């Protein structure tokens, strides 16, 4: 049983990707909490600290969306996009 079927390999790769994403999300949540705690420790009001953390998060999401948009071929022009 030396070979892995393509389906098995794809499932393993997908599982590894999900595990990586979960790990990054956990780290991001911990970092957000640390930033929130730090801001409140220096007398920033909780509401203001929450707003700052939310803006950081929104900027990160917007940046990721921009990267994906610029890296993906538009559906109508896929062959031209791939040819450069």
Protein backbone atom coordinates (compact mmCIF):
# COMPACT_ATOMS: atom_id res chain seq x y z
CA UNK A 1 0.00 0.00 0.00
CA UNK A 2 2.85 2.33 -0.91
CA UNK A 3 0.87 4.90 -2.88
CA UNK A 4 -1.72 7.37 -1.72
CA UNK A 5 -4.65 8.04 -4.00
CA UNK A 6 -5.07 11.57 -5.27
CA UNK A 7 -8.28 11.92 -3.26
CA UNK A 8 -6.50 10.84 -0.06
CA UNK A 9 -3.64 13.26 -0.75
CA UNK A 10 -6.07 16.12 -1.44
CA UNK A 11 -7.97 15.37 1.78
CA UNK A 12 -4.70 15.32 3.77
CA UNK A 13 -3.55 18.60 2.20
CA UNK A 14 -6.93 20.18 2.91
CA UNK A 15 -6.82 19.00 6.52
CA UNK A 16 -3.33 20.44 6.94
CA UNK A 17 -4.48 23.76 5.45
CA UNK A 18 -7.45 23.87 7.84
CA UNK A 19 -5.13 23.14 10.79
CA UNK A 20 -2.78 25.96 9.70
CA UNK A 21 -5.68 28.38 9.35
CA UNK A 22 -7.04 27.40 12.76
CA UNK A 23 -3.60 27.93 14.31
CA UNK A 24 -3.27 31.39 12.71
CA UNK A 25 -6.77 32.36 13.84
CA UNK A 26 -5.98 31.30 17.40
CA UNK A 27 -2.76 33.34 17.36
CA UNK A 28 -4.59 36.35 15.93
CA UNK A 29 -7.23 36.17 18.66
CA UNK A 30 -4.53 35.95 21.34
CA UNK A 31 -2.71 38.94 19.81
CA UNK A 32 -5.92 40.98 19.67
CA UNK A 33 -6.58 40.22 23.33
CA UNK A 34 -3.02 41.25 24.24
CA UNK A 35 -3.39 44.53 22.36
CA UNK A 36 -6.74 45.16 24.08
CA UNK A 37 -5.25 44.43 27.52
CA UNK A 38 -2.25 46.68 26.81
CA UNK A 39 -4.43 49.57 25.70
CA UNK A 40 -6.67 49.31 28.76
CA UNK A 41 -3.59 49.04 31.01
CA UNK A 42 -2.47 52.47 29.82
CA UNK A 43 -5.88 53.96 30.65
CA UNK A 44 -7.49 53.74 27.21
CA UNK A 45 -11.23 53.24 27.78
CA UNK A 46 -12.48 49.73 26.97
CA UNK A 47 -14.79 51.02 24.24
CA UNK A 48 -11.99 52.96 22.59
CA UNK A 49 -9.58 50.00 22.90
CA UNK A 50 -12.20 47.73 21.34
CA UNK A 51 -12.59 50.21 18.47
CA UNK A 52 -8.82 50.30 17.87
CA UNK A 53 -8.58 46.50 17.82
CA UNK A 54 -11.60 46.30 15.50
CA UNK A 55 -10.01 48.78 13.09
CA UNK A 56 -6.79 46.74 13.04
CA UNK A 57 -8.80 43.62 12.30
CA UNK A 58 -10.79 45.35 9.53
CA UNK A 59 -7.57 46.59 7.96
CA UNK A 60 -6.15 43.09 8.00
CA UNK A 61 -9.26 41.67 6.34
CA UNK A 62 -9.24 44.43 3.71
CA UNK A 63 -5.56 43.80 3.01
CA UNK A 64 -6.14 40.08 2.60
CA UNK A 65 -9.11 40.73 0.32
CA UNK A 66 -7.01 43.09 -1.81
CA UNK A 67 -4.22 40.52 -2.06
CA UNK A 68 -6.69 37.80 -3.12
CA UNK A 69 -8.38 40.11 -5.63
CA UNK A 70 -5.07 41.09 -7.20
CA UNK A 71 -3.81 37.49 -7.25
CA UNK A 72 -6.91 35.92 -8.77
CA UNK A 73 -7.90 35.93 -12.40
CA UNK A 74 -11.18 37.64 -13.27
CA UNK A 75 -13.66 34.94 -14.30
CA UNK A 76 -14.33 36.37 -17.76
CA UNK A 77 -10.64 36.74 -18.67
CA UNK A 78 -9.07 33.67 -17.15
CA UNK A 79 -7.18 32.46 -20.27
CA UNK A 80 -5.76 35.94 -20.96
CA UNK A 81 -4.81 36.33 -17.29
CA UNK A 82 -2.89 33.06 -17.32
CA UNK A 83 -1.03 34.05 -20.51
CA UNK A 84 0.09 37.31 -18.92
